[in-house]
Every structure is written in structure tokens, then in C-alpha cells.
């Protein structure tokens, strides 16, 4: 509508049954818009709800293991890891070492290779194993 005095803009908005909304207060002259502000806020809120509803947060699930894990315990942990990966969550395995297990790192390497082979259809290993003293951390991400 061009540059209009404030009183004229307010009169036009009132005649249309709408609101006069300031779009840019810092510019010279101030930029305003004639619109239904309640409807605008409602549509903006609905759009935010819809975008929030559609986003999926990825959670990290942790499982604890030992290098000399019994086969039935390993299968239980493996089943849990598969279900987590199928739900599109990351899985973080914490392998804890005790006593003389610190000297036998090949047991840990064998366990990690076994996990890689058993989880190949639902997930891939993320990065390299992280050795932190008595704890080794291995993360798996779900397949696309």
C-alpha cells in the first residue's frame, strides 16, 4: 500500500476487521502489515507441532559385557542389541576387564569381531573401539 500514516493504517485495518502488525520496527519507515494475527499465531503453532511430531530422536542404549561371557548370556545381550537397532537406536557396548583379563586383549578383539558378525544385518560398527583403562567401548548404529 506504500507509505501511509499510522492513523490511516489503523483505520484501514479496522475497516477490514483485521489487525495492524509491526513486521520490522527498526526500519525507517516502520513496516507494518494488515492481517488476522490470531489466525497467524494458530497456523504457526500447528506447523511447529507437526514438525515436532515428525522428528525422531535417536537414543543410545548401553549394554555391559565381559570378555569371558557365557554363550547364553551373550545370546541374550545380542537379542537385546538387535531389538534396539531395529528400533533405530544406537547401541553402546561397554566391555569391562578384571584382573588378568587386562593382559588378554585378544579376547576383547574376538568378542568385538563376534559382535560385528552377529549384528551385520541390523547395524554397523561406528568408529573404532575406545580403550579407556579397564573399559572398552564399542558403538553400533542401525543400518539405513
N, C-alpha and C. Protein backbone atom coordinates (compact mmCIF):
# COMPACT_ATOMS: atom_id res chain seq x y z
N UNK A 1 0.81 -1.20 0.00
CA UNK A 1 0.00 0.00 0.00
C UNK A 1 0.85 1.26 0.00
N UNK A 2 2.19 1.06 0.19
CA UNK A 2 3.06 2.21 0.19
C UNK A 2 3.18 2.82 1.58
N UNK A 3 3.79 4.00 1.64
CA UNK A 3 3.98 4.69 2.92
C UNK A 3 2.67 5.39 3.28
N UNK A 4 2.12 5.02 4.45
CA UNK A 4 0.83 5.54 4.91
C UNK A 4 1.01 6.00 6.35
N UNK A 5 0.39 7.09 6.77
CA UNK A 5 0.47 7.50 8.17
C UNK A 5 -0.17 6.45 9.09
N UNK A 6 0.27 6.44 10.34
CA UNK A 6 -0.20 5.44 11.30
C UNK A 6 -1.71 5.48 11.48
N UNK A 7 -2.29 6.65 11.58
CA UNK A 7 -3.74 6.75 11.78
C UNK A 7 -4.50 6.18 10.59
N UNK A 8 -3.98 6.40 9.37
CA UNK A 8 -4.62 5.86 8.16
C UNK A 8 -4.51 4.33 8.14
N UNK A 9 -3.34 3.81 8.52
CA UNK A 9 -3.14 2.35 8.55
C UNK A 9 -4.07 1.70 9.57
N UNK A 10 -4.20 2.30 10.74
CA UNK A 10 -5.11 1.76 11.76
C UNK A 10 -6.55 1.78 11.29
N UNK A 11 -6.95 2.84 10.60
CA UNK A 11 -8.31 2.95 10.09
C UNK A 11 -8.58 1.86 9.04
N UNK A 12 -7.61 1.63 8.13
CA UNK A 12 -7.77 0.60 7.09
C UNK A 12 -7.89 -0.79 7.73
N UNK A 13 -7.07 -1.06 8.74
CA UNK A 13 -7.11 -2.36 9.42
C UNK A 13 -8.45 -2.56 10.12
N UNK A 14 -8.95 -1.49 10.75
CA UNK A 14 -10.23 -1.57 11.47
C UNK A 14 -11.38 -1.79 10.49
N UNK A 15 -11.35 -1.12 9.35
CA UNK A 15 -12.39 -1.29 8.33
C UNK A 15 -12.39 -2.72 7.79
N UNK A 16 -11.22 -3.31 7.67
CA UNK A 16 -11.12 -4.68 7.15
C UNK A 16 -11.42 -5.71 8.25
N UNK A 17 -11.48 -5.28 9.51
CA UNK A 17 -11.75 -6.22 10.60
C UNK A 17 -10.52 -7.05 10.94
N UNK A 18 -9.33 -6.52 10.66
CA UNK A 18 -8.08 -7.25 10.90
C UNK A 18 -7.19 -6.45 11.84
N UNK A 19 -5.99 -6.97 12.08
CA UNK A 19 -5.04 -6.33 12.99
C UNK A 19 -3.92 -5.67 12.19
N UNK A 20 -3.34 -4.63 12.75
CA UNK A 20 -2.16 -3.98 12.19
C UNK A 20 -0.96 -4.50 12.96
N UNK A 21 -0.10 -5.27 12.28
CA UNK A 21 1.02 -5.94 12.93
C UNK A 21 2.32 -5.32 12.46
N UNK A 22 3.21 -4.96 13.40
CA UNK A 22 4.52 -4.40 13.07
C UNK A 22 5.44 -5.55 12.66
N UNK A 23 5.95 -5.49 11.41
CA UNK A 23 6.83 -6.53 10.89
C UNK A 23 8.29 -6.17 11.18
N UNK A 24 8.67 -4.93 10.93
CA UNK A 24 10.04 -4.50 11.12
C UNK A 24 10.06 -3.15 11.83
N UNK A 25 10.22 -3.16 13.18
CA UNK A 25 10.16 -1.90 13.92
C UNK A 25 11.41 -1.03 13.78
N UNK A 26 12.54 -1.62 13.38
CA UNK A 26 13.80 -0.88 13.33
C UNK A 26 14.04 -0.16 12.01
N UNK A 27 13.26 -0.45 11.00
CA UNK A 27 13.47 0.19 9.70
C UNK A 27 12.85 1.58 9.70
N UNK A 28 13.22 2.36 8.69
CA UNK A 28 12.67 3.71 8.59
C UNK A 28 12.07 3.88 7.21
N UNK A 29 10.80 3.96 6.99
CA UNK A 29 9.72 3.96 7.95
C UNK A 29 9.43 2.55 8.47
N UNK A 30 8.71 2.47 9.58
CA UNK A 30 8.36 1.19 10.20
C UNK A 30 7.46 0.41 9.25
N UNK A 31 7.77 -0.89 9.08
CA UNK A 31 7.00 -1.74 8.18
C UNK A 31 5.91 -2.45 8.98
N UNK A 32 4.66 -2.32 8.53
CA UNK A 32 3.52 -2.96 9.18
C UNK A 32 2.74 -3.78 8.16
N UNK A 33 1.88 -4.64 8.69
CA UNK A 33 1.09 -5.49 7.82
C UNK A 33 -0.31 -5.63 8.40
N UNK A 34 -1.29 -5.63 7.52
CA UNK A 34 -2.68 -5.82 7.95
C UNK A 34 -3.00 -7.31 7.79
N UNK A 35 -3.30 -7.97 8.92
CA UNK A 35 -3.56 -9.42 8.87
C UNK A 35 -4.35 -9.83 10.10
N UNK A 36 -4.85 -11.08 10.06
CA UNK A 36 -5.55 -11.67 11.21
C UNK A 36 -4.47 -12.32 12.08
N UNK A 37 -4.07 -11.64 13.13
CA UNK A 37 -2.94 -12.08 13.94
C UNK A 37 -3.25 -13.38 14.70
N UNK A 38 -4.47 -13.55 15.17
CA UNK A 38 -4.86 -14.78 15.87
C UNK A 38 -4.74 -16.00 14.97
N UNK A 39 -5.21 -15.86 13.73
CA UNK A 39 -5.13 -16.96 12.77
C UNK A 39 -3.68 -17.26 12.43
N UNK A 40 -2.85 -16.22 12.30
CA UNK A 40 -1.43 -16.39 12.00
C UNK A 40 -0.74 -17.17 13.13
N UNK A 41 -1.00 -16.78 14.38
CA UNK A 41 -0.41 -17.49 15.52
C UNK A 41 -0.86 -18.94 15.57
N UNK A 42 -2.13 -19.20 15.30
CA UNK A 42 -2.67 -20.56 15.32
C UNK A 42 -1.97 -21.43 14.27
N UNK A 43 -1.83 -20.91 13.05
CA UNK A 43 -1.18 -21.68 11.99
C UNK A 43 0.29 -21.92 12.29
N UNK A 44 0.96 -20.93 12.89
CA UNK A 44 2.36 -21.08 13.25
C UNK A 44 2.53 -22.17 14.32
N UNK A 45 1.62 -22.18 15.28
CA UNK A 45 1.67 -23.17 16.35
C UNK A 45 1.42 -24.58 15.80
N UNK A 46 0.46 -24.71 14.89
CA UNK A 46 0.16 -26.01 14.27
C UNK A 46 1.37 -26.53 13.49
N UNK A 47 2.04 -25.64 12.78
CA UNK A 47 3.20 -26.02 11.99
C UNK A 47 4.33 -26.52 12.90
N UNK A 48 4.52 -25.86 14.04
CA UNK A 48 5.54 -26.28 14.99
C UNK A 48 5.22 -27.65 15.58
N UNK A 49 3.94 -27.88 15.91
CA UNK A 49 3.53 -29.17 16.45
C UNK A 49 3.76 -30.28 15.45
N UNK A 50 3.44 -30.00 14.19
CA UNK A 50 3.60 -31.01 13.14
C UNK A 50 5.07 -31.35 12.93
N UNK A 51 5.95 -30.35 12.93
CA UNK A 51 7.38 -30.63 12.73
C UNK A 51 7.96 -31.36 13.94
N UNK A 52 7.48 -31.03 15.13
CA UNK A 52 7.95 -31.71 16.33
C UNK A 52 7.50 -33.16 16.36
N UNK A 53 6.30 -33.41 15.87
CA UNK A 53 5.75 -34.76 15.84
C UNK A 53 6.50 -35.66 14.88
N UNK A 54 6.96 -35.09 13.77
CA UNK A 54 7.59 -35.90 12.73
C UNK A 54 9.05 -36.21 13.00
N UNK A 55 9.70 -35.47 13.93
CA UNK A 55 11.11 -35.73 14.16
C UNK A 55 11.30 -36.91 15.11
N UNK A 56 12.35 -37.67 14.87
CA UNK A 56 12.66 -38.86 15.66
C UNK A 56 13.98 -38.65 16.38
N UNK A 57 13.98 -38.82 17.69
CA UNK A 57 15.23 -38.68 18.44
C UNK A 57 15.90 -40.04 18.52
N UNK A 58 17.20 -40.03 18.35
CA UNK A 58 17.97 -41.26 18.43
C UNK A 58 18.51 -41.39 19.85
N UNK A 59 18.22 -42.50 20.45
CA UNK A 59 18.67 -42.75 21.81
C UNK A 59 19.86 -43.71 21.77
N UNK A 60 20.71 -43.62 22.78
CA UNK A 60 21.84 -44.52 22.91
C UNK A 60 21.53 -45.51 24.03
N UNK A 61 21.49 -46.78 23.67
CA UNK A 61 21.24 -47.84 24.65
C UNK A 61 22.58 -48.49 24.99
N UNK A 62 22.82 -48.72 26.26
CA UNK A 62 24.10 -49.29 26.69
C UNK A 62 23.90 -50.71 27.19
N UNK A 63 24.85 -51.56 26.82
CA UNK A 63 24.88 -52.94 27.29
C UNK A 63 26.27 -53.22 27.84
N UNK A 64 26.33 -53.94 28.96
CA UNK A 64 27.61 -54.27 29.59
C UNK A 64 27.96 -55.72 29.28
N UNK A 65 29.23 -55.93 28.94
CA UNK A 65 29.72 -57.27 28.62
C UNK A 65 31.04 -57.51 29.34
N UNK A 66 31.40 -58.79 29.40
CA UNK A 66 32.72 -59.20 29.89
C UNK A 66 33.33 -60.05 28.79
N UNK A 67 34.66 -60.10 28.70
CA UNK A 67 35.29 -60.88 27.63
C UNK A 67 34.99 -62.37 27.70
N UNK A 68 34.87 -62.91 28.90
CA UNK A 68 34.59 -64.35 29.04
C UNK A 68 33.11 -64.56 29.35
N UNK A 69 32.25 -64.03 28.50
CA UNK A 69 30.81 -64.12 28.71
C UNK A 69 30.32 -65.50 28.29
N UNK A 70 29.40 -66.04 29.05
CA UNK A 70 28.82 -67.34 28.72
C UNK A 70 27.97 -67.20 27.46
N UNK A 71 27.81 -68.28 26.73
CA UNK A 71 27.12 -68.23 25.43
C UNK A 71 25.66 -67.81 25.57
N UNK A 72 24.96 -68.33 26.59
CA UNK A 72 23.55 -67.96 26.75
C UNK A 72 23.41 -66.48 27.14
N UNK A 73 24.33 -65.97 27.96
CA UNK A 73 24.30 -64.55 28.30
C UNK A 73 24.60 -63.69 27.07
N UNK A 74 25.55 -64.15 26.26
CA UNK A 74 25.88 -63.43 25.03
C UNK A 74 24.67 -63.37 24.10
N UNK A 75 23.96 -64.49 23.96
CA UNK A 75 22.78 -64.52 23.08
C UNK A 75 21.69 -63.57 23.59
N UNK A 76 21.53 -63.48 24.90
CA UNK A 76 20.54 -62.56 25.49
C UNK A 76 20.91 -61.12 25.16
N UNK A 77 22.17 -60.75 25.37
CA UNK A 77 22.64 -59.39 25.07
C UNK A 77 22.52 -59.09 23.58
N UNK A 78 22.80 -60.09 22.76
CA UNK A 78 22.72 -59.93 21.30
C UNK A 78 21.27 -59.69 20.87
N UNK A 79 20.34 -60.42 21.47
CA UNK A 79 18.92 -60.24 21.15
C UNK A 79 18.45 -58.83 21.54
N UNK A 80 18.90 -58.36 22.71
CA UNK A 80 18.56 -57.01 23.14
C UNK A 80 19.14 -55.97 22.18
N UNK A 81 20.38 -56.16 21.78
CA UNK A 81 21.04 -55.22 20.87
C UNK A 81 20.33 -55.18 19.52
N UNK A 82 19.92 -56.33 19.03
CA UNK A 82 19.20 -56.38 17.74
C UNK A 82 17.87 -55.63 17.84
N UNK A 83 17.15 -55.81 18.95
CA UNK A 83 15.87 -55.11 19.08
C UNK A 83 16.09 -53.60 19.17
N UNK A 84 17.14 -53.16 19.86
CA UNK A 84 17.44 -51.73 19.95
C UNK A 84 17.78 -51.17 18.57
N UNK A 85 18.60 -51.89 17.81
CA UNK A 85 19.00 -51.41 16.48
C UNK A 85 17.81 -51.40 15.52
N UNK A 86 16.92 -52.37 15.64
CA UNK A 86 15.72 -52.39 14.79
C UNK A 86 14.79 -51.23 15.11
N UNK A 87 14.83 -50.73 16.36
CA UNK A 87 14.04 -49.56 16.76
C UNK A 87 14.75 -48.26 16.42
N UNK A 88 15.84 -48.35 15.63
CA UNK A 88 16.62 -47.19 15.16
C UNK A 88 17.32 -46.45 16.30
N UNK A 89 17.77 -47.19 17.32
CA UNK A 89 18.55 -46.61 18.40
C UNK A 89 20.01 -47.06 18.26
N UNK A 90 20.93 -46.25 18.75
CA UNK A 90 22.33 -46.65 18.79
C UNK A 90 22.52 -47.61 19.95
N UNK A 91 23.50 -48.50 19.82
CA UNK A 91 23.81 -49.43 20.90
C UNK A 91 25.29 -49.26 21.25
N UNK A 92 25.55 -49.08 22.53
CA UNK A 92 26.92 -48.89 23.01
C UNK A 92 27.25 -50.06 23.93
N UNK A 93 28.25 -50.84 23.53
CA UNK A 93 28.69 -51.97 24.34
C UNK A 93 29.86 -51.52 25.21
N UNK A 94 29.75 -51.73 26.51
CA UNK A 94 30.85 -51.48 27.44
C UNK A 94 31.40 -52.84 27.85
N UNK A 95 32.65 -53.09 27.49
CA UNK A 95 33.30 -54.36 27.84
C UNK A 95 34.24 -54.06 29.01
N UNK A 96 34.00 -54.71 30.13
CA UNK A 96 34.79 -54.48 31.33
C UNK A 96 35.79 -55.61 31.53
N UNK A 97 37.00 -55.24 31.91
CA UNK A 97 38.07 -56.21 32.15
C UNK A 97 38.39 -56.24 33.64
N UNK A 98 38.71 -57.46 34.13
CA UNK A 98 39.10 -57.61 35.53
C UNK A 98 40.41 -58.37 35.60
N UNK A 99 41.22 -57.99 36.56
CA UNK A 99 42.45 -58.74 36.87
C UNK A 99 43.33 -59.02 35.67
N UNK A 100 43.57 -60.29 35.43
CA UNK A 100 44.49 -60.70 34.37
C UNK A 100 43.88 -60.60 32.97
N UNK A 101 42.59 -60.28 32.91
CA UNK A 101 41.98 -60.08 31.59
C UNK A 101 42.61 -58.88 30.88
N UNK A 102 43.24 -57.98 31.65
CA UNK A 102 43.90 -56.82 31.05
C UNK A 102 45.03 -57.25 30.11
N UNK A 103 45.67 -58.36 30.41
CA UNK A 103 46.77 -58.86 29.57
C UNK A 103 46.28 -59.56 28.32
N UNK A 104 45.02 -59.99 28.31
CA UNK A 104 44.49 -60.78 27.20
C UNK A 104 43.54 -59.95 26.34
N UNK A 105 44.11 -58.99 25.64
CA UNK A 105 43.31 -58.11 24.77
C UNK A 105 42.75 -58.87 23.57
N UNK A 106 43.35 -59.99 23.23
CA UNK A 106 42.83 -60.77 22.09
C UNK A 106 41.43 -61.30 22.37
N UNK A 107 41.08 -61.53 23.65
CA UNK A 107 39.71 -61.93 24.00
C UNK A 107 38.72 -60.83 23.64
N UNK A 108 39.11 -59.58 23.89
CA UNK A 108 38.26 -58.44 23.57
C UNK A 108 38.10 -58.31 22.06
N UNK A 109 39.21 -58.46 21.32
CA UNK A 109 39.16 -58.37 19.86
C UNK A 109 38.25 -59.46 19.28
N UNK A 110 38.34 -60.66 19.82
CA UNK A 110 37.47 -61.76 19.36
C UNK A 110 36.00 -61.44 19.63
N UNK A 111 35.72 -60.88 20.82
CA UNK A 111 34.34 -60.53 21.18
C UNK A 111 33.80 -59.45 20.25
N UNK A 112 34.61 -58.46 19.94
CA UNK A 112 34.18 -57.38 19.05
C UNK A 112 33.91 -57.93 17.65
N UNK A 113 34.78 -58.80 17.15
CA UNK A 113 34.57 -59.41 15.83
C UNK A 113 33.29 -60.25 15.81
N UNK A 114 33.05 -60.96 16.91
CA UNK A 114 31.83 -61.77 17.01
C UNK A 114 30.58 -60.88 16.99
N UNK A 115 30.65 -59.74 17.69
CA UNK A 115 29.53 -58.80 17.68
C UNK A 115 29.31 -58.24 16.28
N UNK A 116 30.40 -57.88 15.59
CA UNK A 116 30.28 -57.35 14.22
C UNK A 116 29.58 -58.34 13.31
N UNK A 117 30.00 -59.61 13.38
CA UNK A 117 29.42 -60.63 12.50
C UNK A 117 27.95 -60.90 12.84
N UNK A 118 27.61 -60.90 14.13
CA UNK A 118 26.24 -61.22 14.52
C UNK A 118 25.27 -60.07 14.29
N UNK A 119 25.77 -58.83 14.27
CA UNK A 119 24.89 -57.67 14.11
C UNK A 119 24.96 -57.07 12.71
N UNK A 120 25.59 -57.75 11.76
CA UNK A 120 25.80 -57.18 10.43
C UNK A 120 24.50 -56.88 9.69
N UNK A 121 23.43 -57.65 9.94
CA UNK A 121 22.18 -57.42 9.20
C UNK A 121 21.35 -56.27 9.77
N UNK A 122 21.60 -55.86 11.02
CA UNK A 122 20.81 -54.77 11.60
C UNK A 122 21.62 -53.51 11.90
N UNK A 123 22.94 -53.62 11.99
CA UNK A 123 23.73 -52.44 12.31
C UNK A 123 25.19 -52.57 11.94
N UNK A 124 25.87 -51.43 11.93
CA UNK A 124 27.29 -51.38 11.62
C UNK A 124 28.03 -50.75 12.79
N UNK A 125 29.30 -51.10 12.90
CA UNK A 125 30.12 -50.52 13.96
C UNK A 125 30.40 -49.06 13.63
N UNK A 126 30.40 -48.22 14.66
CA UNK A 126 30.65 -46.80 14.47
C UNK A 126 32.02 -46.46 15.03
N UNK A 127 32.93 -46.11 14.16
CA UNK A 127 34.28 -45.75 14.59
C UNK A 127 35.07 -46.97 15.04
N UNK A 128 36.09 -46.70 15.83
CA UNK A 128 36.95 -47.77 16.34
C UNK A 128 36.63 -48.00 17.82
N UNK A 129 36.97 -49.18 18.34
CA UNK A 129 36.78 -49.41 19.77
C UNK A 129 37.60 -48.40 20.58
N UNK A 130 37.01 -47.91 21.66
CA UNK A 130 37.64 -46.90 22.50
C UNK A 130 38.15 -47.57 23.77
N UNK A 131 39.47 -47.64 23.92
CA UNK A 131 40.09 -48.27 25.08
C UNK A 131 40.31 -47.22 26.17
N UNK A 132 39.65 -47.41 27.31
CA UNK A 132 39.78 -46.48 28.43
C UNK A 132 40.11 -47.27 29.70
N UNK A 133 41.36 -47.62 29.85
CA UNK A 133 41.77 -48.38 31.03
C UNK A 133 41.16 -49.76 31.04
N UNK A 134 40.33 -50.03 32.04
CA UNK A 134 39.71 -51.35 32.18
C UNK A 134 38.41 -51.48 31.39
N UNK A 135 38.03 -50.42 30.68
CA UNK A 135 36.76 -50.44 29.94
C UNK A 135 37.02 -50.17 28.46
N UNK A 136 36.41 -50.99 27.61
CA UNK A 136 36.46 -50.80 26.16
C UNK A 136 35.04 -50.52 25.69
N UNK A 137 34.88 -49.47 24.88
CA UNK A 137 33.57 -49.06 24.40
C UNK A 137 33.48 -49.25 22.90
N UNK A 138 32.42 -49.92 22.44
CA UNK A 138 32.17 -50.14 21.03
C UNK A 138 30.73 -49.71 20.75
N UNK A 139 30.54 -48.85 19.72
CA UNK A 139 29.21 -48.37 19.39
C UNK A 139 28.76 -48.93 18.05
N UNK A 140 27.47 -49.24 17.97
CA UNK A 140 26.87 -49.71 16.73
C UNK A 140 25.71 -48.76 16.37
N UNK A 141 25.58 -48.46 15.07
CA UNK A 141 24.49 -47.62 14.58
C UNK A 141 23.59 -48.48 13.70
N UNK A 142 22.29 -48.20 13.67
CA UNK A 142 21.39 -49.00 12.84
C UNK A 142 21.66 -48.78 11.34
N UNK A 143 21.38 -49.81 10.55
CA UNK A 143 21.50 -49.69 9.09
C UNK A 143 20.44 -48.73 8.57
N UNK A 144 20.71 -48.12 7.46
CA UNK A 144 19.76 -47.18 6.85
C UNK A 144 18.56 -47.95 6.29
